[in-house]
Amino acid sequence: KAFEDNSLVRKAFEEPGQGRVLVID
């Protein structure tokens, strides 16, 4: 959950995804 800031999106995608789906609010 982040409003008009995708800093944590990059951090999430730097992790191994292992077939997960990232849901961004």
PDB file of all heavy atoms in Angstrom:
ATOM      1  N   LYS A   1       0.867  -1.182   0.000  1.00  0.00           N
ATOM      2  CA  LYS A   1       0.000   0.000   0.000  1.00  0.00           C
ATOM      3  C   LYS A   1       0.903   1.231   0.000  1.00  0.00           C
ATOM      4  O   LYS A   1       1.726   1.400   0.903  1.00  0.00           O
ATOM      5  CB  LYS A   1      -0.899   0.001   1.233  1.00  0.00           C
ATOM      6  CG  LYS A   1      -1.856   1.163   1.270  1.00  0.00           C
ATOM      7  CD  LYS A   1      -2.790   1.077   2.453  1.00  0.00           C
ATOM      8  CE  LYS A   1      -3.730   2.247   2.437  1.00  0.00           C
ATOM      9  NZ  LYS A   1      -5.117   1.839   2.443  1.00  0.00           N
ATOM     10  N   ALA A   2       0.755   2.055  -1.028  1.00  0.00           N
ATOM     11  CA  ALA A   2       1.571   3.269  -1.140  1.00  0.00           C
ATOM     12  C   ALA A   2       0.841   4.247  -2.048  1.00  0.00           C
ATOM     13  O   ALA A   2       0.275   3.842  -3.067  1.00  0.00           O
ATOM     14  CB  ALA A   2       2.945   2.945  -1.710  1.00  0.00           C
ATOM     15  N   PHE A   3       0.859   5.494  -1.700  1.00  0.00           N
ATOM     16  CA  PHE A   3       0.168   6.508  -2.487  1.00  0.00           C
ATOM     17  C   PHE A   3       1.185   7.386  -3.211  1.00  0.00           C
ATOM     18  O   PHE A   3       1.958   8.112  -2.565  1.00  0.00           O
ATOM     19  CB  PHE A   3      -0.735   7.362  -1.600  1.00  0.00           C
ATOM     20  CG  PHE A   3      -1.580   8.326  -2.368  1.00  0.00           C
ATOM     21  CD1 PHE A   3      -2.660   7.886  -3.120  1.00  0.00           C
ATOM     22  CD2 PHE A   3      -1.284   9.676  -2.356  1.00  0.00           C
ATOM     23  CE1 PHE A   3      -3.438   8.774  -3.846  1.00  0.00           C
ATOM     24  CE2 PHE A   3      -2.060  10.584  -3.078  1.00  0.00           C
ATOM     25  CZ  PHE A   3      -3.138  10.125  -3.824  1.00  0.00           C
ATOM     26  N   GLU A   4       1.200   7.283  -4.539  1.00  0.00           N
ATOM     27  CA  GLU A   4       2.036   8.119  -5.402  1.00  0.00           C
ATOM     28  C   GLU A   4       3.515   8.059  -5.027  1.00  0.00           C
ATOM     29  O   GLU A   4       4.246   9.040  -5.153  1.00  0.00           O
ATOM     30  CB  GLU A   4       1.501   9.555  -5.444  1.00  0.00           C
ATOM     31  CG  GLU A   4       0.102   9.611  -6.042  1.00  0.00           C
ATOM     32  CD  GLU A   4      -0.487  11.001  -6.154  1.00  0.00           C
ATOM     33  OE1 GLU A   4       0.137  11.986  -5.701  1.00  0.00           O
ATOM     34  OE2 GLU A   4      -1.602  11.113  -6.714  1.00  0.00           O
ATOM     35  N   ASP A   5       3.967   6.898  -4.553  1.00  0.00           N
ATOM     36  CA  ASP A   5       5.368   6.644  -4.195  1.00  0.00           C
ATOM     37  C   ASP A   5       5.637   5.165  -4.454  1.00  0.00           C
ATOM     38  O   ASP A   5       5.073   4.302  -3.779  1.00  0.00           O
ATOM     39  CB  ASP A   5       5.603   6.980  -2.723  1.00  0.00           C
ATOM     40  CG  ASP A   5       7.020   6.706  -2.259  1.00  0.00           C
ATOM     41  OD1 ASP A   5       7.826   6.122  -3.019  1.00  0.00           O
ATOM     42  OD2 ASP A   5       7.336   7.060  -1.113  1.00  0.00           O
ATOM     43  N   ASN A   6       6.480   4.858  -5.436  1.00  0.00           N
ATOM     44  CA  ASN A   6       6.727   3.453  -5.746  1.00  0.00           C
ATOM     45  C   ASN A   6       8.064   2.935  -5.234  1.00  0.00           C
ATOM     46  O   ASN A   6       8.552   1.909  -5.699  1.00  0.00           O
ATOM     47  CB  ASN A   6       6.562   3.188  -7.251  1.00  0.00           C
ATOM     48  CG  ASN A   6       7.692   3.750  -8.084  1.00  0.00           C
ATOM     49  OD1 ASN A   6       8.526   4.505  -7.608  1.00  0.00           O
ATOM     50  ND2 ASN A   6       7.716   3.381  -9.346  1.00  0.00           N
ATOM     51  N   SER A   7       8.650   3.595  -4.256  1.00  0.00           N
ATOM     52  CA  SER A   7       9.928   3.162  -3.689  1.00  0.00           C
ATOM     53  C   SER A   7       9.876   1.711  -3.225  1.00  0.00           C
ATOM     54  O   SER A   7      10.805   0.933  -3.470  1.00  0.00           O
ATOM     55  CB  SER A   7      10.327   4.041  -2.501  1.00  0.00           C
ATOM     56  OG  SER A   7      10.331   5.396  -2.835  1.00  0.00           O
ATOM     57  N   LEU A   8       8.812   1.332  -2.535  1.00  0.00           N
ATOM     58  CA  LEU A   8       8.706  -0.019  -1.998  1.00  0.00           C
ATOM     59  C   LEU A   8       8.351  -1.042  -3.071  1.00  0.00           C
ATOM     60  O   LEU A   8       8.558  -2.250  -2.873  1.00  0.00           O
ATOM     61  CB  LEU A   8       7.695  -0.072  -0.854  1.00  0.00           C
ATOM     62  CG  LEU A   8       8.035   0.770   0.373  1.00  0.00           C
ATOM     63  CD1 LEU A   8       6.994   0.573   1.468  1.00  0.00           C
ATOM     64  CD2 LEU A   8       9.423   0.448   0.897  1.00  0.00           C
ATOM     65  N   VAL A   9       7.845  -0.592  -4.210  1.00  0.00           N
ATOM     66  CA  VAL A   9       7.563  -1.504  -5.318  1.00  0.00           C
ATOM     67  C   VAL A   9       8.882  -2.093  -5.817  1.00  0.00           C
ATOM     68  O   VAL A   9       9.019  -3.303  -6.000  1.00  0.00           O
ATOM     69  CB  VAL A   9       6.796  -0.797  -6.460  1.00  0.00           C
ATOM     70  CG1 VAL A   9       6.610  -1.726  -7.645  1.00  0.00           C
ATOM     71  CG2 VAL A   9       5.466  -0.272  -5.960  1.00  0.00           C
ATOM     72  N   ARG A  10       9.870  -1.247  -6.010  1.00  0.00           N
ATOM     73  CA  ARG A  10      11.196  -1.718  -6.445  1.00  0.00           C
ATOM     74  C   ARG A  10      11.762  -2.697  -5.432  1.00  0.00           C
ATOM     75  O   ARG A  10      12.274  -3.763  -5.796  1.00  0.00           O
ATOM     76  CB  ARG A  10      12.164  -0.555  -6.642  1.00  0.00           C
ATOM     77  CG  ARG A  10      13.596  -1.033  -6.961  1.00  0.00           C
ATOM     78  CD  ARG A  10      14.509   0.075  -7.398  1.00  0.00           C
ATOM     79  NE  ARG A  10      14.125   0.647  -8.657  1.00  0.00           N
ATOM     80  CZ  ARG A  10      14.342   0.089  -9.857  1.00  0.00           C
ATOM     81  NH1 ARG A  10      14.931  -1.063  -9.928  1.00  0.00           N
ATOM     82  NH2 ARG A  10      13.970   0.699 -10.949  1.00  0.00           N
ATOM     83  N   LYS A  11      11.670  -2.377  -4.157  1.00  0.00           N
ATOM     84  CA  LYS A  11      12.200  -3.271  -3.120  1.00  0.00           C
ATOM     85  C   LYS A  11      11.510  -4.623  -3.160  1.00  0.00           C
ATOM     86  O   LYS A  11      12.149  -5.663  -2.998  1.00  0.00           O
ATOM     87  CB  LYS A  11      12.062  -2.631  -1.741  1.00  0.00           C
ATOM     88  CG  LYS A  11      13.009  -1.464  -1.547  1.00  0.00           C
ATOM     89  CD  LYS A  11      12.851  -0.822  -0.193  1.00  0.00           C
ATOM     90  CE  LYS A  11      13.784   0.375  -0.088  1.00  0.00           C
ATOM     91  NZ  LYS A  11      13.595   1.141   1.126  1.00  0.00           N
ATOM     92  N   ALA A  12      10.202  -4.627  -3.390  1.00  0.00           N
ATOM     93  CA  ALA A  12       9.465  -5.895  -3.475  1.00  0.00           C
ATOM     94  C   ALA A  12       9.968  -6.718  -4.654  1.00  0.00           C
ATOM     95  O   ALA A  12      10.238  -7.922  -4.509  1.00  0.00           O
ATOM     96  CB  ALA A  12       7.971  -5.631  -3.598  1.00  0.00           C
ATOM     97  N   PHE A  13      10.113  -6.109  -5.819  1.00  0.00           N
ATOM     98  CA  PHE A  13      10.513  -6.846  -7.008  1.00  0.00           C
ATOM     99  C   PHE A  13      11.984  -7.237  -7.004  1.00  0.00           C
ATOM    100  O   PHE A  13      12.407  -8.049  -7.815  1.00  0.00           O
ATOM    101  CB  PHE A  13      10.153  -6.083  -8.280  1.00  0.00           C
ATOM    102  CG  PHE A  13       8.680  -6.098  -8.566  1.00  0.00           C
ATOM    103  CD1 PHE A  13       8.028  -4.939  -8.933  1.00  0.00           C
ATOM    104  CD2 PHE A  13       7.945  -7.271  -8.476  1.00  0.00           C
ATOM    105  CE1 PHE A  13       6.668  -4.950  -9.214  1.00  0.00           C
ATOM    106  CE2 PHE A  13       6.588  -7.296  -8.740  1.00  0.00           C
ATOM    107  CZ  PHE A  13       5.952  -6.130  -9.114  1.00  0.00           C
ATOM    108  N   GLU A  14      12.770  -6.680  -6.086  1.00  0.00           N
ATOM    109  CA  GLU A  14      14.157  -7.125  -5.924  1.00  0.00           C
ATOM    110  C   GLU A  14      14.215  -8.476  -5.208  1.00  0.00           C
ATOM    111  O   GLU A  14      15.224  -9.166  -5.266  1.00  0.00           O
ATOM    112  CB  GLU A  14      14.973  -6.080  -5.160  1.00  0.00           C
ATOM    113  CG  GLU A  14      15.252  -4.844  -6.001  1.00  0.00           C
ATOM    114  CD  GLU A  14      15.884  -3.697  -5.223  1.00  0.00           C
ATOM    115  OE1 GLU A  14      15.871  -3.724  -3.977  1.00  0.00           O
ATOM    116  OE2 GLU A  14      16.389  -2.765  -5.886  1.00  0.00           O
ATOM    117  N   GLU A  15      13.128  -8.862  -4.541  1.00  0.00           N
ATOM    118  CA  GLU A  15      13.052 -10.155  -3.856  1.00  0.00           C
ATOM    119  C   GLU A  15      12.730 -11.257  -4.853  1.00  0.00           C
ATOM    120  O   GLU A  15      12.108 -10.995  -5.878  1.00  0.00           O
ATOM    121  CB  GLU A  15      11.924 -10.142  -2.810  1.00  0.00           C
ATOM    122  CG  GLU A  15      12.026  -9.104  -1.765  1.00  0.00           C
ATOM    123  CD  GLU A  15      10.753  -9.009  -0.925  1.00  0.00           C
ATOM    124  OE1 GLU A  15       9.802  -9.807  -1.142  1.00  0.00           O
ATOM    125  OE2 GLU A  15      10.699  -8.123  -0.073  1.00  0.00           O
ATOM    126  N   PRO A  16      13.086 -12.518  -4.533  1.00  0.00           N
ATOM    127  CA  PRO A  16      12.632 -13.623  -5.380  1.00  0.00           C
ATOM    128  C   PRO A  16      11.100 -13.680  -5.374  1.00  0.00           C
ATOM    129  O   PRO A  16      10.482 -13.678  -4.307  1.00  0.00           O
ATOM    130  CB  PRO A  16      13.218 -14.866  -4.703  1.00  0.00           C
ATOM    131  CG  PRO A  16      14.348 -14.353  -3.862  1.00  0.00           C
ATOM    132  CD  PRO A  16      13.958 -12.957  -3.452  1.00  0.00           C
ATOM    133  N   GLY A  17      10.500 -13.699  -6.560  1.00  0.00           N
ATOM    134  CA  GLY A  17       9.044 -13.682  -6.657  1.00  0.00           C
ATOM    135  C   GLY A  17       8.404 -15.023  -6.373  1.00  0.00           C
ATOM    136  O   GLY A  17       7.308 -15.089  -5.837  1.00  0.00           O
ATOM    137  N   GLN A  18       9.060 -16.096  -6.769  1.00  0.00           N
ATOM    138  CA  GLN A  18       8.556 -17.450  -6.538  1.00  0.00           C
ATOM    139  C   GLN A  18       7.117 -17.612  -7.024  1.00  0.00           C
ATOM    140  O   GLN A  18       6.299 -18.243  -6.367  1.00  0.00           O
ATOM    141  CB  GLN A  18       8.690 -17.828  -5.069  1.00  0.00           C
ATOM    142  CG  GLN A  18      10.133 -17.742  -4.589  1.00  0.00           C
ATOM    143  CD  GLN A  18      10.284 -17.891  -3.098  1.00  0.00           C
ATOM    144  OE1 GLN A  18       9.510 -17.313  -2.329  1.00  0.00           O
ATOM    145  NE2 GLN A  18      11.280 -18.646  -2.683  1.00  0.00           N
ATOM    146  N   GLY A  19       6.810 -16.994  -8.184  1.00  0.00           N
ATOM    147  CA  GLY A  19       5.477 -17.119  -8.766  1.00  0.00           C
ATOM    148  C   GLY A  19       4.396 -16.302  -8.096  1.00  0.00           C
ATOM    149  O   GLY A  19       3.212 -16.484  -8.387  1.00  0.00           O
ATOM    150  N   ARG A  20       4.786 -15.365  -7.235  1.00  0.00           N
ATOM    151  CA  ARG A  20       3.785 -14.536  -6.556  1.00  0.00           C
ATOM    152  C   ARG A  20       3.274 -13.416  -7.458  1.00  0.00           C
ATOM    153  O   ARG A  20       3.866 -13.094  -8.474  1.00  0.00           O
ATOM    154  CB  ARG A  20       4.377 -13.907  -5.282  1.00  0.00           C
ATOM    155  CG  ARG A  20       4.638 -14.912  -4.183  1.00  0.00           C
ATOM    156  CD  ARG A  20       5.204 -14.249  -2.946  1.00  0.00           C
ATOM    157  NE  ARG A  20       6.563 -13.759  -3.249  1.00  0.00           N
ATOM    158  CZ  ARG A  20       7.216 -12.883  -2.497  1.00  0.00           C
ATOM    159  NH1 ARG A  20       6.663 -12.366  -1.408  1.00  0.00           N
ATOM    160  NH2 ARG A  20       8.435 -12.499  -2.823  1.00  0.00           N
ATOM    161  N   VAL A  21       2.169 -12.822  -7.017  1.00  0.00           N
ATOM    162  CA  VAL A  21       1.578 -11.664  -7.677  1.00  0.00           C
ATOM    163  C   VAL A  21       1.601 -10.521  -6.669  1.00  0.00           C
ATOM    164  O   VAL A  21       1.107 -10.669  -5.551  1.00  0.00           O
ATOM    165  CB  VAL A  21       0.123 -11.957  -8.113  1.00  0.00           C
ATOM    166  CG1 VAL A  21      -0.527 -10.704  -8.698  1.00  0.00           C
ATOM    167  CG2 VAL A  21       0.089 -13.105  -9.115  1.00  0.00           C
ATOM    168  N   LEU A  22       2.185  -9.388  -7.050  1.00  0.00           N
ATOM    169  CA  LEU A  22       2.196  -8.219  -6.172  1.00  0.00           C
ATOM    170  C   LEU A  22       0.954  -7.387  -6.444  1.00  0.00           C
ATOM    171  O   LEU A  22       0.698  -6.978  -7.579  1.00  0.00           O
ATOM    172  CB  LEU A  22       3.447  -7.370  -6.386  1.00  0.00           C
ATOM    173  CG  LEU A  22       3.599  -6.182  -5.440  1.00  0.00           C
ATOM    174  CD1 LEU A  22       3.757  -6.652  -3.983  1.00  0.00           C
ATOM    175  CD2 LEU A  22       4.784  -5.310  -5.836  1.00  0.00           C
ATOM    176  N   VAL A  23       0.178  -7.151  -5.396  1.00  0.00           N
ATOM    177  CA  VAL A  23      -1.019  -6.317  -5.479  1.00  0.00           C
ATOM    178  C   VAL A  23      -0.668  -4.976  -4.848  1.00  0.00           C
ATOM    179  O   VAL A  23      -0.331  -4.916  -3.656  1.00  0.00           O
ATOM    180  CB  VAL A  23      -2.215  -6.974  -4.761  1.00  0.00           C
ATOM    181  CG1 VAL A  23      -3.442  -6.069  -4.842  1.00  0.00           C
ATOM    182  CG2 VAL A  23      -2.509  -8.351  -5.349  1.00  0.00           C
ATOM    183  N   ILE A  24      -0.736  -3.924  -5.651  1.00  0.00           N
ATOM    184  CA  ILE A  24      -0.355  -2.579  -5.203  1.00  0.00           C
ATOM    185  C   ILE A  24      -1.605  -1.720  -5.087  1.00  0.00           C
ATOM    186  O   ILE A  24      -2.309  -1.504  -6.075  1.00  0.00           O
ATOM    187  CB  ILE A  24       0.610  -1.912  -6.203  1.00  0.00           C
ATOM    188  CG1 ILE A  24       1.857  -2.774  -6.418  1.00  0.00           C
ATOM    189  CG2 ILE A  24       0.982  -0.505  -5.734  1.00  0.00           C
ATOM    190  CD1 ILE A  24       2.691  -2.332  -7.609  1.00  0.00           C
ATOM    191  N   ASP A  25      -1.861  -1.230  -3.887  1.00  0.00           N
ATOM    192  CA  ASP A  25      -2.954  -0.271  -3.706  1.00  0.00           C
ATOM    193  C   ASP A  25      -2.360   1.122  -3.740  1.00  0.00           C
ATOM    194  O   ASP A  25      -1.805   1.600  -2.753  1.00  0.00           O
ATOM    195  CB  ASP A  25      -3.698  -0.515  -2.393  1.00  0.00           C
ATOM    196  CG  ASP A  25      -4.918   0.379  -2.247  1.00  0.00           C
ATOM    197  OD1 ASP A  25      -5.149   1.239  -3.128  1.00  0.00           O
ATOM    198  OD2 ASP A  25      -5.645   0.215  -1.255  1.00  0.00           O
TER     199      ASP A  25
END
